[in-house]
Every structure is written in C-alpha cells, then in structure tokens.
Amino acid sequence: MNGKHGTNAEMKRPGIIERVTRETTVRVELTRGTGTASVSTGLPFLDHMLTTFARYAALDLSVSAQGDLRHHIIEDVAITVGAALAEIVPACAARYGERVIPMDDALVQVALDLGGRPYYRGPLPSSLYEHWMRSFSDNAKATLHVRVLRGRDRHHVVEAAFKALGLAVRQALVEGDAVFSTKGAVRGSGLGTRGSGTASAAGTASPRAVPESRAPSPEDPC
C-alpha cells in the first residue's frame, strides 16, 4: 500500500545492529510496529526502561546484552539502540517530536529531531541514564533535549523521560508527503563515534569500528 504512511515493507524495515567489544556483546533489532519488546540485559531497571520506551514509541524491540560492568552495558545498549533507530527513519518522516509526561511528582519534557543532527542537552538526575540519553542521541543522529520541569524521585524522573522520549520518537517517525529539510532526505546508517569495538548493521558490506570515548559513570541506584 502506497500513500501518506508509506508501504508496508518500508514500515517493517528492521534496524539490526550487533556490537561486540572487549566489555560487552549487544544485539538489537528494531522495527516500527506495535510496541512489543523482548529485552534481556541482566539489569532489571534498564530492561524496564527499554520495554517502556518501545511501548510508547510503537516500536517492536529485541535487545540482548551481556557485559562486564553495569555502566558499560547501559552505554553500549544506548549506542546500539540509537544506531538501530537511525536505520529505520523514513525519508519523509515528520522528523520532529515533542512530549511532556507527568509521573507522580515528576514532570519531564522531551523535544526531538531525527534529521541527522546529533546534539544532546539534559541533564537527568542519574549519571548512568544521562549518559544513556547522550549516547542514544549521538548514535541515532538526533537532536535531543530533555528538560526536568519538576521531580524529587529519581526513578520517576528517569521513567517519565523514557516515556516522553518514546512518544516523541513515535511522533517523529510518522511519514508524510514531504522531506522536512532543505538539504533533502537524511538517512542515518550504522554506529557513531562513542565507544569502541566492532559492529555490523543489516545490509552493510563489512563491520565498522568506532573509536573509544567513555565518560566516567558512578554506580547509581537506578
């Protein structure tokens, strides 16, 4: 079916990224769908956030990850999910998304541009998930602004941010009849510049290596 929302094949085009380093092994498969998630990272809170993100973004998401340290797993999953999302952005995507989400005491706003301009501005009150958002933004090639408008409970703030991000992504992926850029269509492909190791994306001829660049991440409760 052709038209405003594209063909079924385009909507089902998967982003598949595998990332292997000395610290982690991560595989992500991401498809526009209904929000079904199968996530296994060994970190219950991260699993919960990824499942929440997938449901709110209407993305079918499969994530398997294992690694040495919690902050390595969290960062490398963010890199891989971001890279997979970059693979599935339609040429005529709405590109922009914005949502404000309340969750009890927390109120968080997310504004997003999937047009291939990586930039992140936070912060979140968790160094681990602040770094998740930055790594996701870099590798999704997205401009991402996260504003914590209110909130005392860190869990609530972080979860509200993932819900708002999911809804903003859902909005940004909607297909229309025009390319929202004077430069023409912008398509992302593969991994960006954070972390190190070997990664492969569906449809690529050979794995790509990316240089090392890590920020220190203290152990946060969430």
C-alpha atoms as a PDB file:
ATOM      1  CA  MET A   1       0.000   0.000   0.000  1.00  0.00           C
ATOM      2  CA  ASN A   2       1.464   3.338  -1.083  1.00  0.00           C
ATOM      3  CA  GLY A   3       0.457   6.730   0.264  1.00  0.00           C
ATOM      4  CA  LYS A   4       0.889   9.006   3.207  1.00  0.00           C
ATOM      5  CA  HIS A   5       2.152   6.349   5.552  1.00  0.00           C
ATOM      6  CA  GLY A   6       4.435   4.548   3.093  1.00  0.00           C
ATOM      7  CA  THR A   7       4.441   0.921   2.092  1.00  0.00           C
ATOM      8  CA  ASN A   8       4.097  -1.970   4.498  1.00  0.00           C
ATOM      9  CA  ALA A   9       7.619  -3.053   3.526  1.00  0.00           C
ATOM     10  CA  GLU A  10       9.008   0.359   4.473  1.00  0.00           C
ATOM     11  CA  MET A  11       7.184   0.334   7.802  1.00  0.00           C
ATOM     12  CA  LYS A  12       8.536  -3.127   8.591  1.00  0.00           C
ATOM     13  CA  ARG A  13      12.133  -2.420   7.512  1.00  0.00           C
ATOM     14  CA  PRO A  14      14.197  -3.520  10.554  1.00  0.00           C
ATOM     15  CA  GLY A  15      17.206  -1.879  12.090  1.00  0.00           C
ATOM     16  CA  ILE A  16      19.510  -4.697  13.181  1.00  0.00           C
ATOM     17  CA  ILE A  17      22.771  -3.839  14.941  1.00  0.00           C
ATOM     18  CA  GLU A  18      25.266  -6.146  16.619  1.00  0.00           C
ATOM     19  CA  ARG A  19      28.022  -4.619  18.725  1.00  0.00           C
ATOM     20  CA  VAL A  20      30.901  -6.633  20.180  1.00  0.00           C
ATOM     21  CA  THR A  21      33.679  -5.137  22.303  1.00  0.00           C
ATOM     22  CA  ARG A  22      36.036  -6.425  24.980  1.00  0.00           C
ATOM     23  CA  GLU A  23      33.469  -5.201  27.515  1.00  0.00           C
ATOM     24  CA  THR A  24      30.058  -6.041  26.058  1.00  0.00           C
ATOM     25  CA  THR A  25      28.128  -8.012  23.475  1.00  0.00           C
ATOM     26  CA  VAL A  26      24.892  -6.355  22.359  1.00  0.00           C
ATOM     27  CA  ARG A  27      22.352  -7.228  19.678  1.00  0.00           C
ATOM     28  CA  VAL A  28      19.382  -5.004  18.874  1.00  0.00           C
ATOM     29  CA  GLU A  29      16.565  -5.498  16.378  1.00  0.00           C
ATOM     30  CA  LEU A  30      14.152  -2.609  15.964  1.00  0.00           C
ATOM     31  CA  THR A  31      11.069  -2.350  13.730  1.00  0.00           C
ATOM     32  CA  ARG A  32       8.140   0.029  13.533  1.00  0.00           C
ATOM     33  CA  GLY A  33       5.259  -1.974  14.905  1.00  0.00           C
ATOM     34  CA  THR A  34       3.003  -2.179  17.938  1.00  0.00           C
ATOM     35  CA  GLY A  35       5.362  -1.701  20.875  1.00  0.00           C
ATOM     36  CA  THR A  36       6.241  -5.321  21.630  1.00  0.00           C
ATOM     37  CA  ALA A  37       9.546  -5.765  23.457  1.00  0.00           C
ATOM     38  CA  SER A  38      11.821  -8.669  24.332  1.00  0.00           C
ATOM     39  CA  VAL A  39      14.668  -7.314  26.433  1.00  0.00           C
ATOM     40  CA  SER A  40      17.393  -9.129  28.351  1.00  0.00           C
ATOM     41  CA  THR A  41      20.328  -7.066  29.624  1.00  0.00           C
ATOM     42  CA  GLY A  42      20.745  -8.513  33.107  1.00  0.00           C
ATOM     43  CA  LEU A  43      19.799  -5.093  34.534  1.00  0.00           C
ATOM     44  CA  PRO A  44      16.121  -5.044  35.623  1.00  0.00           C
ATOM     45  CA  PHE A  45      15.731  -1.248  35.616  1.00  0.00           C
ATOM     46  CA  LEU A  46      17.290  -0.921  32.156  1.00  0.00           C
ATOM     47  CA  ASP A  47      15.037  -3.726  30.886  1.00  0.00           C
ATOM     48  CA  HIS A  48      12.035  -1.848  32.285  1.00  0.00           C
ATOM     49  CA  MET A  49      13.092   1.441  30.639  1.00  0.00           C
ATOM     50  CA  LEU A  50      13.671  -0.179  27.239  1.00  0.00           C
ATOM     51  CA  THR A  51      10.343  -2.004  27.391  1.00  0.00           C
ATOM     52  CA  THR A  52       8.642   1.279  28.320  1.00  0.00           C
ATOM     53  CA  PHE A  53      10.404   3.141  25.504  1.00  0.00           C
ATOM     54  CA  ALA A  54       9.358   0.524  22.937  1.00  0.00           C
ATOM     55  CA  ARG A  55       5.713   0.557  24.025  1.00  0.00           C
ATOM     56  CA  TYR A  56       5.413   4.350  23.926  1.00  0.00           C
ATOM     57  CA  ALA A  57       7.312   4.615  20.625  1.00  0.00           C
ATOM     58  CA  ALA A  58       5.259   1.829  18.981  1.00  0.00           C
ATOM     59  CA  LEU A  59       8.497   0.021  18.127  1.00  0.00           C
ATOM     60  CA  ASP A  60       8.971  -3.735  18.185  1.00  0.00           C
ATOM     61  CA  LEU A  61      12.260  -4.074  20.032  1.00  0.00           C
ATOM     62  CA  SER A  62      14.516  -7.034  20.741  1.00  0.00           C
ATOM     63  CA  VAL A  63      17.603  -6.455  22.891  1.00  0.00           C
ATOM     64  CA  SER A  64      20.087  -8.964  24.237  1.00  0.00           C
ATOM     65  CA  ALA A  65      23.148  -7.726  26.097  1.00  0.00           C
ATOM     66  CA  GLN A  66      25.830  -9.008  28.402  1.00  0.00           C
ATOM     67  CA  GLY A  67      28.980  -7.403  29.700  1.00  0.00           C
ATOM     68  CA  ASP A  68      31.417  -6.780  32.491  1.00  0.00           C
ATOM     69  CA  LEU A  69      30.154  -3.625  34.243  1.00  0.00           C
ATOM     70  CA  ARG A  70      26.731  -2.046  34.569  1.00  0.00           C
ATOM     71  CA  HIS A  71      27.714   1.307  33.093  1.00  0.00           C
ATOM     72  CA  HIS A  72      29.340  -0.415  30.076  1.00  0.00           C
ATOM     73  CA  ILE A  73      26.152  -2.357  29.390  1.00  0.00           C
ATOM     74  CA  ILE A  74      23.943   0.727  29.759  1.00  0.00           C
ATOM     75  CA  GLU A  75      26.120   2.824  27.445  1.00  0.00           C
ATOM     76  CA  ASP A  76      26.585   0.167  24.776  1.00  0.00           C
ATOM     77  CA  VAL A  77      22.880  -0.658  24.717  1.00  0.00           C
ATOM     78  CA  ALA A  78      22.168   3.063  24.200  1.00  0.00           C
ATOM     79  CA  ILE A  79      24.697   3.185  21.341  1.00  0.00           C
ATOM     80  CA  THR A  80      23.161   0.141  19.672  1.00  0.00           C
ATOM     81  CA  VAL A  81      19.512   1.158  20.117  1.00  0.00           C
ATOM     82  CA  GLY A  82      20.318   4.621  18.761  1.00  0.00           C
ATOM     83  CA  ALA A  83      22.114   3.181  15.738  1.00  0.00           C
ATOM     84  CA  ALA A  84      19.211   0.803  15.048  1.00  0.00           C
ATOM     85  CA  LEU A  85      16.736   3.678  15.194  1.00  0.00           C
ATOM     86  CA  ALA A  86      18.833   5.660  12.695  1.00  0.00           C
ATOM     87  CA  GLU A  87      18.455   2.744  10.271  1.00  0.00           C
ATOM     88  CA  ILE A  88      14.648   2.915  10.168  1.00  0.00           C
ATOM     89  CA  VAL A  89      13.904   6.656   9.913  1.00  0.00           C
ATOM     90  CA  PRO A  90      11.772   7.112   6.763  1.00  0.00           C
ATOM     91  CA  ALA A  91      12.938   9.589   4.113  1.00  0.00           C
ATOM     92  CA  CYS A  92       9.700  11.554   4.544  1.00  0.00           C
ATOM     93  CA  ALA A  93       9.467  11.269   8.317  1.00  0.00           C
ATOM     94  CA  ALA A  94       7.799  14.062  10.251  1.00  0.00           C
ATOM     95  CA  ARG A  95      11.283  14.338  11.805  1.00  0.00           C
ATOM     96  CA  TYR A  96      10.241  16.323  14.886  1.00  0.00           C
ATOM     97  CA  GLY A  97       8.585  15.105  18.070  1.00  0.00           C
ATOM     98  CA  GLU A  98       7.811  16.614  21.469  1.00  0.00           C
ATOM     99  CA  ARG A  99       6.030  15.406  24.576  1.00  0.00           C
ATOM    100  CA  VAL A 100       5.603  16.379  28.225  1.00  0.00           C
ATOM    101  CA  ILE A 101       4.926  13.490  30.600  1.00  0.00           C
ATOM    102  CA  PRO A 102       3.809  13.653  34.252  1.00  0.00           C
ATOM    103  CA  MET A 103       4.562  10.749  36.580  1.00  0.00           C
ATOM    104  CA  ASP A 104       3.518  11.462  40.143  1.00  0.00           C
ATOM    105  CA  ASP A 105       5.959  14.151  41.361  1.00  0.00           C
ATOM    106  CA  ALA A 106       7.920  14.162  38.074  1.00  0.00           C
ATOM    107  CA  LEU A 107       7.221  16.278  35.017  1.00  0.00           C
ATOM    108  CA  VAL A 108       9.601  15.827  32.064  1.00  0.00           C
ATOM    109  CA  GLN A 109       9.657  17.333  28.579  1.00  0.00           C
ATOM    110  CA  VAL A 110      11.445  15.777  25.593  1.00  0.00           C
ATOM    111  CA  ALA A 111      11.929  17.520  22.236  1.00  0.00           C
ATOM    112  CA  LEU A 112      13.472  15.540  19.383  1.00  0.00           C
ATOM    113  CA  ASP A 113      14.735  15.985  15.822  1.00  0.00           C
ATOM    114  CA  LEU A 114      15.588  12.836  13.848  1.00  0.00           C
ATOM    115  CA  GLY A 115      17.049  14.840  10.963  1.00  0.00           C
ATOM    116  CA  GLY A 116      20.653  13.673  11.284  1.00  0.00           C
ATOM    117  CA  ARG A 117      21.996  16.406  13.590  1.00  0.00           C
ATOM    118  CA  PRO A 118      23.346  14.756  16.770  1.00  0.00           C
ATOM    119  CA  TYR A 119      23.151  17.024  19.824  1.00  0.00           C
ATOM    120  CA  TYR A 120      22.107  16.339  23.415  1.00  0.00           C
ATOM    121  CA  ARG A 121      21.089  18.655  26.221  1.00  0.00           C
ATOM    122  CA  GLY A 122      19.936  17.441  29.631  1.00  0.00           C
ATOM    123  CA  PRO A 123      20.522  16.715  32.383  1.00  0.00           C
ATOM    124  CA  LEU A 124      18.766  13.832  34.102  1.00  0.00           C
ATOM    125  CA  PRO A 125      19.363  13.293  37.841  1.00  0.00           C
ATOM    126  CA  SER A 126      21.182   9.988  37.179  1.00  0.00           C
ATOM    127  CA  SER A 127      24.653   9.910  35.641  1.00  0.00           C
ATOM    128  CA  LEU A 128      24.008   6.461  34.144  1.00  0.00           C
ATOM    129  CA  TYR A 129      20.813   7.441  32.354  1.00  0.00           C
ATOM    130  CA  GLU A 130      22.060  10.912  31.493  1.00  0.00           C
ATOM    131  CA  HIS A 131      24.841   9.073  29.657  1.00  0.00           C
ATOM    132  CA  TRP A 132      22.278   6.696  28.113  1.00  0.00           C
ATOM    133  CA  MET A 133      20.401   9.639  26.613  1.00  0.00           C
ATOM    134  CA  ARG A 134      23.583  11.257  25.281  1.00  0.00           C
ATOM    135  CA  SER A 135      24.853   8.024  23.708  1.00  0.00           C
ATOM    136  CA  PHE A 136      21.419   7.308  22.218  1.00  0.00           C
ATOM    137  CA  SER A 137      21.253  10.817  20.743  1.00  0.00           C
ATOM    138  CA  ASP A 138      24.743  10.616  19.240  1.00  0.00           C
ATOM    139  CA  ASN A 139      24.097   7.298  17.519  1.00  0.00           C
ATOM    140  CA  ALA A 140      20.513   7.968  16.453  1.00  0.00           C
ATOM    141  CA  LYS A 141      21.961  11.140  14.864  1.00  0.00           C
ATOM    142  CA  ALA A 142      19.251  13.034  16.717  1.00  0.00           C
ATOM    143  CA  THR A 143      18.948  16.378  18.417  1.00  0.00           C
ATOM    144  CA  LEU A 144      17.539  15.553  21.846  1.00  0.00           C
ATOM    145  CA  HIS A 145      16.550  17.991  24.586  1.00  0.00           C
ATOM    146  CA  VAL A 146      15.392  16.604  27.942  1.00  0.00           C
ATOM    147  CA  ARG A 147      14.019  19.087  30.480  1.00  0.00           C
ATOM    148  CA  VAL A 148      13.139  18.014  34.010  1.00  0.00           C
ATOM    149  CA  LEU A 149      10.426  20.512  34.909  1.00  0.00           C
ATOM    150  CA  ARG A 150       9.665  19.009  38.325  1.00  0.00           C
ATOM    151  CA  GLY A 151      10.542  15.908  40.303  1.00  0.00           C
ATOM    152  CA  ARG A 152      12.058  14.612  43.525  1.00  0.00           C
ATOM    153  CA  ASP A 153      12.022  10.847  42.945  1.00  0.00           C
ATOM    154  CA  ARG A 154      14.860   9.938  40.573  1.00  0.00           C
ATOM    155  CA  HIS A 155      13.145   6.753  39.411  1.00  0.00           C
ATOM    156  CA  HIS A 156      10.040   8.716  38.437  1.00  0.00           C
ATOM    157  CA  VAL A 157      12.066  11.381  36.616  1.00  0.00           C
ATOM    158  CA  VAL A 158      14.024   8.836  34.571  1.00  0.00           C
ATOM    159  CA  GLU A 159      10.944   6.782  33.731  1.00  0.00           C
ATOM    160  CA  ALA A 160       8.995   9.893  32.700  1.00  0.00           C
ATOM    161  CA  ALA A 161      11.924  10.812  30.427  1.00  0.00           C
ATOM    162  CA  PHE A 162      11.832   7.416  28.682  1.00  0.00           C
ATOM    163  CA  LYS A 163       8.055   7.651  28.229  1.00  0.00           C
ATOM    164  CA  ALA A 164       8.349  11.158  26.786  1.00  0.00           C
ATOM    165  CA  LEU A 165      11.202  10.021  24.533  1.00  0.00           C
ATOM    166  CA  GLY A 166       9.120   7.122  23.257  1.00  0.00           C
ATOM    167  CA  LEU A 167       6.158   9.328  22.401  1.00  0.00           C
ATOM    168  CA  ALA A 168       8.425  11.913  20.748  1.00  0.00           C
ATOM    169  CA  VAL A 169      10.031   9.176  18.626  1.00  0.00           C
ATOM    170  CA  ARG A 170       6.580   7.854  17.649  1.00  0.00           C
ATOM    171  CA  GLN A 171       5.600  11.343  16.507  1.00  0.00           C
ATOM    172  CA  ALA A 172       8.881  11.951  14.648  1.00  0.00           C
ATOM    173  CA  LEU A 173       8.638   8.676  12.683  1.00  0.00           C
ATOM    174  CA  VAL A 174       5.214   9.419  11.197  1.00  0.00           C
ATOM    175  CA  GLU A 175       5.514   9.527   7.405  1.00  0.00           C
ATOM    176  CA  GLY A 176       4.166  12.367   5.296  1.00  0.00           C
ATOM    177  CA  ASP A 177       4.426  13.551   1.705  1.00  0.00           C
ATOM    178  CA  ALA A 178       7.433  15.866   2.046  1.00  0.00           C
ATOM    179  CA  VAL A 179      11.044  15.897   3.208  1.00  0.00           C
ATOM    180  CA  PHE A 180      11.440  18.381   6.051  1.00  0.00           C
ATOM    181  CA  SER A 181      14.899  19.597   5.110  1.00  0.00           C
ATOM    182  CA  THR A 182      16.279  21.999   2.504  1.00  0.00           C
ATOM    183  CA  LYS A 183      19.159  19.520   2.116  1.00  0.00           C
ATOM    184  CA  GLY A 184      16.852  16.692   1.047  1.00  0.00           C
ATOM    185  CA  ALA A 185      16.367  13.339   2.749  1.00  0.00           C
ATOM    186  CA  VAL A 186      18.772  12.474   5.552  1.00  0.00           C
ATOM    187  CA  ARG A 187      19.302   8.810   6.319  1.00  0.00           C
ATOM    188  CA  GLY A 188      21.416   7.550   9.201  1.00  0.00           C
ATOM    189  CA  SER A 189      23.461   4.387   8.931  1.00  0.00           C
ATOM    190  CA  GLY A 190      25.442   2.443  11.472  1.00  0.00           C
ATOM    191  CA  LEU A 191      27.238   3.449  14.621  1.00  0.00           C
ATOM    192  CA  GLY A 192      28.573   6.854  15.546  1.00  0.00           C
ATOM    193  CA  THR A 193      31.631   7.897  17.495  1.00  0.00           C
ATOM    194  CA  ARG A 194      31.107   6.732  21.065  1.00  0.00           C
ATOM    195  CA  GLY A 195      32.567   3.540  22.466  1.00  0.00           C
ATOM    196  CA  SER A 196      34.810   1.027  20.765  1.00  0.00           C
ATOM    197  CA  GLY A 197      34.576  -2.348  19.109  1.00  0.00           C
ATOM    198  CA  THR A 198      33.102  -3.977  16.054  1.00  0.00           C
ATOM    199  CA  ALA A 199      29.529  -3.504  14.953  1.00  0.00           C
ATOM    200  CA  SER A 200      27.537  -4.617  11.957  1.00  0.00           C
ATOM    201  CA  ALA A 201      24.255  -3.333  10.591  1.00  0.00           C
ATOM    202  CA  ALA A 202      21.834  -5.154   8.333  1.00  0.00           C
ATOM    203  CA  GLY A 203      22.710  -4.516   4.725  1.00  0.00           C
ATOM    204  CA  THR A 204      26.283  -3.364   5.299  1.00  0.00           C
ATOM    205  CA  ALA A 205      29.189  -4.955   3.453  1.00  0.00           C
ATOM    206  CA  SER A 206      31.546  -5.183   6.406  1.00  0.00           C
ATOM    207  CA  PRO A 207      31.700  -4.412  10.129  1.00  0.00           C
ATOM    208  CA  ARG A 208      32.624  -0.905  11.197  1.00  0.00           C
ATOM    209  CA  ALA A 209      34.908   0.033  14.071  1.00  0.00           C
ATOM    210  CA  VAL A 210      34.371   3.177  16.113  1.00  0.00           C
ATOM    211  CA  PRO A 211      36.923   4.865  18.396  1.00  0.00           C
ATOM    212  CA  GLU A 212      36.962   4.788  22.176  1.00  0.00           C
ATOM    213  CA  SER A 213      35.349   7.626  24.120  1.00  0.00           C
ATOM    214  CA  ARG A 214      33.819   6.930  27.514  1.00  0.00           C
ATOM    215  CA  ALA A 215      32.665   9.180  30.311  1.00  0.00           C
ATOM    216  CA  PRO A 216      33.044   8.048  33.948  1.00  0.00           C
ATOM    217  CA  SER A 217      29.794   6.676  35.329  1.00  0.00           C
ATOM    218  CA  PRO A 218      29.390   6.231  39.087  1.00  0.00           C
ATOM    219  CA  GLU A 219      27.093   3.494  40.310  1.00  0.00           C
ATOM    220  CA  ASP A 220      23.562   4.946  40.556  1.00  0.00           C
ATOM    221  CA  PRO A 221      20.655   3.176  42.280  1.00  0.00           C
ATOM    222  CA  CYS A 222      18.655   3.376  39.028  1.00  0.00           C
END
